[in-house]
Amino acid sequence: MSGNDIEIDGISIEAIVRAVPHAREIGMKLERVEAGRIVMSLPYDERLIGNPETGVLHGGVITTLVDMTCGMAVWSSLDEMAPIATLDLRIDYLHPAVPGKTLFADGVCYKKTRNIAFARGIAYHDDPDDPVATTAAAFMINSAGSVPQAKEAARLFDEAGNA
């Protein structure tokens, strides 16, 4: 990871990302962390192809990347650990991801109320000014969920040094 990590209630954002099973499985990596802003990457992997004839990544993989990135941006903006849940996620696909290239996502939490956070983001290869997709999302803060279980999973992964 390049860039500083942020801790919420003693748990790092990087540990939280590593503790999410689907993020680990598809190879998501944390690239940059700021309060309210996260950049993640997804190396190209043939297992994630949506069209075998073209080698283009499946749209669901891109959705997963931007949802996770925007969600982590919301979490990085919180003062204390709280469960969040995606309420709404709109994605505009602007062009196909390029086969063989790493995909990046940049997510920003730009507004929070007591119960809702709003984020926007982009997925891109080399140039953020030429996005593969753009997204706008809303997240519920303090949704039903288990903060103690999430904190424990993140702590265990952090202590084990799992990547």
Protein backbone atom coordinates (compact mmCIF):
# COMPACT_ATOMS: atom_id res chain seq x y z
CA MET A 1 0.00 0.00 0.00
CA SER A 2 1.30 3.47 -0.81
CA GLY A 3 -0.14 6.16 1.39
CA ASN A 4 -0.94 6.36 5.04
CA ASP A 5 -3.43 4.10 6.71
CA ILE A 6 -6.19 5.31 9.01
CA GLU A 7 -7.36 3.59 12.15
CA ILE A 8 -10.92 3.50 13.44
CA ASP A 9 -11.22 2.30 17.03
CA GLY A 10 -7.69 0.88 16.76
CA ILE A 11 -8.36 -1.14 13.57
CA SER A 12 -6.68 -0.07 10.35
CA ILE A 13 -8.59 0.39 7.10
CA GLU A 14 -6.06 -1.93 5.48
CA ALA A 15 -6.90 -4.69 8.01
CA ILE A 16 -10.62 -4.18 7.36
CA VAL A 17 -10.11 -4.58 3.60
CA ARG A 18 -7.99 -7.71 4.09
CA ALA A 19 -10.67 -9.20 6.36
CA VAL A 20 -13.36 -9.07 3.62
CA PRO A 21 -13.38 -12.53 2.01
CA HIS A 22 -14.58 -11.52 -1.48
CA ALA A 23 -12.03 -8.68 -1.65
CA ARG A 24 -9.22 -11.14 -0.87
CA GLU A 25 -10.57 -13.75 -3.28
CA ILE A 26 -10.64 -11.50 -6.32
CA GLY A 27 -7.35 -9.76 -5.42
CA MET A 28 -8.40 -6.24 -4.39
CA LYS A 29 -5.55 -4.19 -2.94
CA LEU A 30 -5.57 -0.96 -0.99
CA GLU A 31 -3.42 1.64 -2.76
CA ARG A 32 -4.10 4.92 -0.96
CA VAL A 33 -5.94 6.00 2.16
CA GLU A 34 -7.07 9.44 3.24
CA ALA A 35 -9.92 10.38 5.55
CA GLY A 36 -12.95 10.08 3.27
CA ARG A 37 -10.99 8.91 0.21
CA ILE A 38 -9.74 5.46 -0.82
CA VAL A 39 -7.94 4.19 -3.91
CA MET A 40 -7.97 0.45 -4.52
CA SER A 41 -6.66 -1.74 -7.33
CA LEU A 42 -7.71 -5.00 -8.92
CA PRO A 43 -5.03 -6.79 -10.94
CA TYR A 44 -6.31 -8.44 -14.11
CA ASP A 45 -7.20 -12.08 -13.53
CA GLU A 46 -8.59 -14.46 -16.16
CA ARG A 47 -10.97 -15.92 -13.53
CA LEU A 48 -12.82 -12.58 -13.58
CA ILE A 49 -13.45 -12.42 -17.34
CA GLY A 50 -17.03 -11.77 -18.37
CA ASN A 51 -16.59 -12.46 -22.09
CA PRO A 52 -14.12 -15.23 -22.98
CA GLU A 53 -13.92 -14.07 -26.59
CA THR A 54 -12.70 -10.57 -25.69
CA GLY A 55 -11.11 -11.13 -22.26
CA VAL A 56 -12.98 -8.15 -20.82
CA LEU A 57 -13.63 -8.15 -17.07
CA HIS A 58 -17.16 -8.98 -15.95
CA GLY A 59 -19.23 -5.89 -15.08
CA GLY A 60 -20.06 -7.41 -11.70
CA VAL A 61 -16.38 -7.39 -10.79
CA ILE A 62 -16.16 -3.69 -11.61
CA THR A 63 -19.32 -3.10 -9.55
CA THR A 64 -17.77 -4.98 -6.62
CA LEU A 65 -14.58 -2.91 -6.84
CA VAL A 66 -16.33 0.49 -6.87
CA ASP A 67 -18.83 -0.55 -4.18
CA MET A 68 -16.01 -1.71 -1.89
CA THR A 69 -13.93 1.39 -2.61
CA CYS A 70 -16.78 3.80 -1.91
CA GLY A 71 -17.76 1.83 1.20
CA MET A 72 -14.21 2.00 2.51
CA ALA A 73 -14.17 5.74 1.77
CA VAL A 74 -17.25 6.09 3.97
CA TRP A 75 -15.68 3.98 6.71
CA SER A 76 -12.46 6.02 6.56
CA SER A 77 -14.52 9.15 7.19
CA LEU A 78 -16.10 7.85 10.42
CA ASP A 79 -14.87 8.82 13.88
CA GLU A 80 -15.71 5.40 15.32
CA MET A 81 -16.40 1.96 13.94
CA ALA A 82 -20.00 1.50 12.82
CA PRO A 83 -21.66 -0.97 10.47
CA ILE A 84 -22.47 0.37 7.01
CA ALA A 85 -24.57 -1.02 4.19
CA THR A 86 -24.97 -0.02 0.56
CA LEU A 87 -28.40 1.52 0.06
CA ASP A 88 -28.04 2.64 -3.54
CA LEU A 89 -25.32 2.20 -6.15
CA ARG A 90 -25.56 3.65 -9.63
CA ILE A 91 -22.89 2.78 -12.17
CA ASP A 92 -22.40 4.22 -15.61
CA TYR A 93 -20.15 2.02 -17.75
CA LEU A 94 -18.32 4.29 -20.20
CA HIS A 95 -16.17 1.73 -22.02
CA PRO A 96 -14.95 -1.84 -21.47
CA ALA A 97 -12.03 -2.55 -19.16
CA VAL A 98 -8.89 -3.35 -21.15
CA PRO A 99 -7.90 -7.02 -20.97
CA GLY A 100 -4.61 -7.58 -19.15
CA LYS A 101 -4.56 -4.24 -17.34
CA THR A 102 -4.94 -3.50 -13.64
CA LEU A 103 -8.14 -1.67 -12.79
CA PHE A 104 -8.11 1.10 -10.16
CA ALA A 105 -11.00 2.63 -8.26
CA ASP A 106 -11.00 5.99 -6.50
CA GLY A 107 -13.85 6.60 -4.06
CA VAL A 108 -14.72 9.73 -2.09
CA CYS A 109 -17.23 10.18 0.71
CA TYR A 110 -18.42 13.71 0.07
CA LYS A 111 -21.37 14.08 2.48
CA LYS A 112 -22.53 12.46 5.72
CA THR A 113 -25.70 12.88 7.71
CA ARG A 114 -26.45 11.13 10.99
CA ASN A 115 -27.58 7.96 9.20
CA ILE A 116 -26.60 8.24 5.53
CA ALA A 117 -23.30 8.80 3.74
CA PHE A 118 -22.92 9.73 0.09
CA ALA A 119 -19.96 8.71 -2.07
CA ARG A 120 -18.88 8.89 -5.68
CA GLY A 121 -16.11 7.18 -7.51
CA ILE A 122 -14.51 6.10 -10.74
CA ALA A 123 -12.90 2.95 -12.08
CA TYR A 124 -10.01 3.48 -14.49
CA HIS A 125 -6.79 1.98 -15.81
CA ASP A 126 -3.95 4.47 -16.23
CA ASP A 127 -5.80 7.77 -16.50
CA PRO A 128 -8.53 8.88 -14.08
CA ASP A 129 -9.68 11.31 -16.78
CA ASP A 130 -10.61 8.32 -18.98
CA PRO A 131 -12.77 6.24 -16.61
CA VAL A 132 -14.09 2.79 -17.40
CA ALA A 133 -17.04 3.53 -15.11
CA THR A 134 -18.38 6.20 -12.78
CA THR A 135 -20.49 5.62 -9.71
CA ALA A 136 -22.66 7.41 -7.18
CA ALA A 137 -23.65 5.62 -3.99
CA ALA A 138 -25.48 6.02 -0.70
CA PHE A 139 -24.64 4.03 2.42
CA MET A 140 -26.57 3.53 5.64
CA ILE A 141 -24.49 4.20 8.73
CA ASN A 142 -25.22 2.09 11.82
CA SER A 143 -27.04 -0.54 9.79
CA ALA A 144 -27.86 -3.79 11.51
CA GLY A 145 -24.58 -5.62 11.78
CA SER A 146 -21.97 -6.75 14.19
CA VAL A 147 -19.22 -4.24 14.87
CA PRO A 148 -17.53 -6.53 17.43
CA GLN A 149 -17.30 -9.39 14.89
CA ALA A 150 -15.97 -7.08 12.16
CA LYS A 151 -13.40 -5.58 14.53
CA GLU A 152 -12.28 -9.03 15.69
CA ALA A 153 -11.90 -10.33 12.12
CA ALA A 154 -9.89 -7.26 11.11
CA ARG A 155 -7.73 -7.52 14.26
CA LEU A 156 -6.96 -11.18 13.64
CA PHE A 157 -5.99 -10.56 10.01
CA ASP A 158 -3.88 -7.58 11.06
CA GLU A 159 -2.04 -9.60 13.71
CA ALA A 160 -1.45 -12.51 11.35
CA GLY A 161 -0.08 -10.19 8.68
CA ASN A 162 -2.36 -11.73 6.06
CA ALA A 163 -2.43 -9.95 2.73
